[in-house]
C-alpha atoms as a PDB file:
ATOM      1  CA  MET A   1      -0.101   0.146  -0.101  1.00  0.00           C
ATOM      2  CA  ALA A   2       1.231   3.377  -0.982  1.00  0.00           C
ATOM      3  CA  GLN A   3       1.968   6.132   1.730  1.00  0.00           C
ATOM      4  CA  LYS A   4      -0.131   9.129   1.598  1.00  0.00           C
ATOM      5  CA  ASN A   5       1.714  11.931  -0.454  1.00  0.00           C
ATOM      6  CA  LYS A   6       4.315   9.645  -1.815  1.00  0.00           C
ATOM      7  CA  VAL A   7       5.302   9.118  -5.419  1.00  0.00           C
ATOM      8  CA  THR A   8       6.775   6.386  -6.991  1.00  0.00           C
ATOM      9  CA  PHE A   9       9.163   6.526  -9.962  1.00  0.00           C
ATOM     10  CA  GLU A  10      12.012   4.704 -11.929  1.00  0.00           C
ATOM     11  CA  VAL A  11      15.524   5.612 -12.523  1.00  0.00           C
ATOM     12  CA  ARG A  12      17.495   3.944 -15.141  1.00  0.00           C
ATOM     13  CA  ILE A  13      21.062   3.718 -13.929  1.00  0.00           C
ATOM     14  CA  ASP A  14      24.131   2.102 -15.169  1.00  0.00           C
ATOM     15  CA  GLU A  15      24.950  -1.285 -13.542  1.00  0.00           C
ATOM     16  CA  THR A  16      28.465  -0.282 -12.202  1.00  0.00           C
ATOM     17  CA  LEU A  17      27.076   2.991 -10.916  1.00  0.00           C
ATOM     18  CA  TYR A  18      24.284   1.256  -9.031  1.00  0.00           C
ATOM     19  CA  ARG A  19      26.765  -1.236  -7.468  1.00  0.00           C
ATOM     20  CA  LYS A  20      28.837   1.829  -6.126  1.00  0.00           C
ATOM     21  CA  LEU A  21      25.416   3.158  -4.836  1.00  0.00           C
ATOM     22  CA  LEU A  22      24.596   0.140  -2.929  1.00  0.00           C
ATOM     23  CA  GLY A  23      28.251   0.351  -1.668  1.00  0.00           C
ATOM     24  CA  VAL A  24      27.797   3.849  -0.282  1.00  0.00           C
ATOM     25  CA  ALA A  25      24.468   3.157   1.207  1.00  0.00           C
ATOM     26  CA  ASP A  26      25.923   0.232   2.773  1.00  0.00           C
ATOM     27  CA  ARG A  27      28.829   2.303   4.449  1.00  0.00           C
ATOM     28  CA  GLU A  28      26.143   4.763   5.659  1.00  0.00           C
ATOM     29  CA  LYS A  29      24.198   1.953   7.224  1.00  0.00           C
ATOM     30  CA  ALA A  30      21.013   3.127   4.848  1.00  0.00           C
ATOM     31  CA  THR A  31      18.796   1.398   2.629  1.00  0.00           C
ATOM     32  CA  VAL A  32      19.363   2.659  -1.248  1.00  0.00           C
ATOM     33  CA  ASN A  33      16.008   4.441  -0.958  1.00  0.00           C
ATOM     34  CA  ASN A  34      16.798   6.165   2.186  1.00  0.00           C
ATOM     35  CA  HIS A  35      20.381   7.457   0.656  1.00  0.00           C
ATOM     36  CA  MET A  36      18.717   8.352  -2.448  1.00  0.00           C
ATOM     37  CA  LEU A  37      16.240  10.361  -0.650  1.00  0.00           C
ATOM     38  CA  LYS A  38      19.141  12.269   1.455  1.00  0.00           C
ATOM     39  CA  LEU A  39      20.873  12.919  -1.810  1.00  0.00           C
ATOM     40  CA  ILE A  40      17.788  14.452  -3.411  1.00  0.00           C
ATOM     41  CA  ARG A  41      16.967  16.683  -0.370  1.00  0.00           C
ATOM     42  CA  THR A  42      20.518  17.770  -0.231  1.00  0.00           C
ATOM     43  CA  ASN A  43      20.389  18.888  -3.928  1.00  0.00           C
ATOM     44  CA  VAL A  44      17.108  20.629  -3.465  1.00  0.00           C
ATOM     45  CA  GLU A  45      18.313  22.412  -0.271  1.00  0.00           C
ATOM     46  CA  TYR A  46      21.359  23.460  -2.210  1.00  0.00           C
ATOM     47  CA  SER A  47      19.412  24.645  -5.065  1.00  0.00           C
ATOM     48  CA  GLU A  48      17.089  26.668  -3.257  1.00  0.00           C
ATOM     49  CA  ARG A  49      19.864  28.324  -1.415  1.00  0.00           C
ATOM     50  CA  ILE A  50      21.362  29.511  -4.497  1.00  0.00           C
ATOM     51  CA  HIS A  51      18.343  30.119  -6.688  1.00  0.00           C
ATOM     52  CA  GLY A  52      15.591  30.554  -4.420  1.00  0.00           C
ATOM     53  CA  LYS A  53      12.514  28.642  -3.103  1.00  0.00           C
ATOM     54  CA  ILE A  54      11.087  26.308  -5.866  1.00  0.00           C
ATOM     55  CA  ASP A  55       7.440  26.972  -6.516  1.00  0.00           C
ATOM     56  CA  VAL A  56       5.960  23.596  -6.504  1.00  0.00           C
ATOM     57  CA  SER A  57       2.557  24.532  -7.439  1.00  0.00           C
ATOM     58  CA  LYS A  58       4.190  24.978 -11.179  1.00  0.00           C
ATOM     59  CA  TYR A  59       4.893  21.044 -11.264  1.00  0.00           C
ATOM     60  CA  PRO A  60       1.729  19.000 -10.726  1.00  0.00           C
ATOM     61  CA  VAL A  61       1.975  15.400 -10.227  1.00  0.00           C
ATOM     62  CA  ASP A  62      -0.552  12.490  -9.837  1.00  0.00           C
ATOM     63  CA  VAL A  63      -0.282  11.097  -6.161  1.00  0.00           C
ATOM     64  CA  PRO A  64      -1.863   7.587  -6.175  1.00  0.00           C
ATOM     65  CA  SER A  65      -4.702   7.686  -3.886  1.00  0.00           C
ATOM     66  CA  ASP A  66      -5.133   5.389  -1.069  1.00  0.00           C
ATOM     67  CA  GLU A  67      -8.115   3.205  -1.914  1.00  0.00           C
ATOM     68  CA  ASN A  68      -8.619   1.985   1.711  1.00  0.00           C
ATOM     69  CA  ALA A  69      -8.693   5.560   3.082  1.00  0.00           C
ATOM     70  CA  GLU A  70     -12.082   6.726   4.565  1.00  0.00           C
ATOM     71  CA  GLY A  71     -13.167  10.470   3.308  1.00  0.00           C
END
């Protein structure tokens, strides 16, 4: 079951680079997913420091709805 407000997407990555990513995540005692989230957050924070806040309303996404949620 998907968590509320979470988006899933695929990334195509070279096998060697993926293996290295596994190694880095392992060194940091993190899952690959958690390590990728850390990298993405760090990059977004850096970009916003340099270029200003990002207006997320300009970038709509389809977030899957939770079929079991009660409204």
